[in-house]
Protein backbone atom coordinates (compact mmCIF):
# COMPACT_ATOMS: atom_id res chain seq x y z
CA UNK A 1 53.42 -106.64 -15.95
CA UNK A 2 52.82 -102.90 -15.88
CA UNK A 3 52.61 -101.04 -12.60
CA UNK A 4 49.82 -98.92 -14.09
CA UNK A 5 47.34 -101.78 -14.11
CA UNK A 6 44.71 -101.66 -11.42
CA UNK A 7 42.47 -104.30 -9.90
CA UNK A 8 39.68 -103.52 -12.37
CA UNK A 9 42.01 -104.22 -15.31
CA UNK A 10 42.53 -107.77 -14.10
CA UNK A 11 38.77 -108.25 -13.63
CA UNK A 12 38.19 -107.02 -17.19
CA UNK A 13 40.76 -109.54 -18.45
CA UNK A 14 39.01 -112.36 -16.57
CA UNK A 15 35.65 -111.33 -18.00
CA UNK A 16 37.05 -111.13 -21.54
CA UNK A 17 38.55 -114.64 -21.36
CA UNK A 18 35.38 -116.04 -19.77
CA UNK A 19 33.37 -114.68 -22.71
CA UNK A 20 35.86 -116.22 -25.15
CA UNK A 21 35.53 -119.57 -23.37
CA UNK A 22 31.74 -119.44 -23.64
CA UNK A 23 31.94 -118.62 -27.37
CA UNK A 24 34.38 -121.50 -27.87
CA UNK A 25 32.05 -123.95 -26.16
CA UNK A 26 29.08 -122.65 -28.14
CA UNK A 27 31.01 -123.32 -31.36
CA UNK A 28 31.76 -126.93 -30.40
CA UNK A 29 28.43 -128.70 -30.08
CA UNK A 30 29.76 -132.21 -29.52
CA UNK A 31 32.80 -133.97 -28.11
CA UNK A 32 33.68 -135.00 -31.66
CA UNK A 33 33.63 -131.32 -32.73
CA UNK A 34 35.86 -130.44 -29.80
CA UNK A 35 38.38 -133.15 -30.64
CA UNK A 36 38.56 -132.03 -34.28
CA UNK A 37 38.78 -128.30 -33.51
CA UNK A 38 42.15 -126.79 -34.48
CA UNK A 39 42.17 -124.58 -31.37
CA UNK A 40 41.89 -127.67 -29.17
CA UNK A 41 44.79 -129.32 -30.95
CA UNK A 42 46.98 -126.25 -30.45
CA UNK A 43 46.19 -126.06 -26.73
CA UNK A 44 46.67 -129.80 -26.29
CA UNK A 45 50.06 -129.58 -28.01
CA UNK A 46 51.10 -126.63 -25.86
CA UNK A 47 50.09 -128.42 -22.67
CA UNK A 48 52.00 -131.55 -23.62
CA UNK A 49 55.08 -129.53 -24.56
CA UNK A 50 55.03 -127.45 -21.35
């Protein structure tokens, strides 16, 4: 973590990831879509491995 980052930088990061989450959910219309989505499988695998 860089000492040059300020509070606003962290808020911008949160906003960016929130927008990505909304786009992800918009792309997956149903639970079936979500279960078949490659991004979901990667995250699920990472969570199980961690």
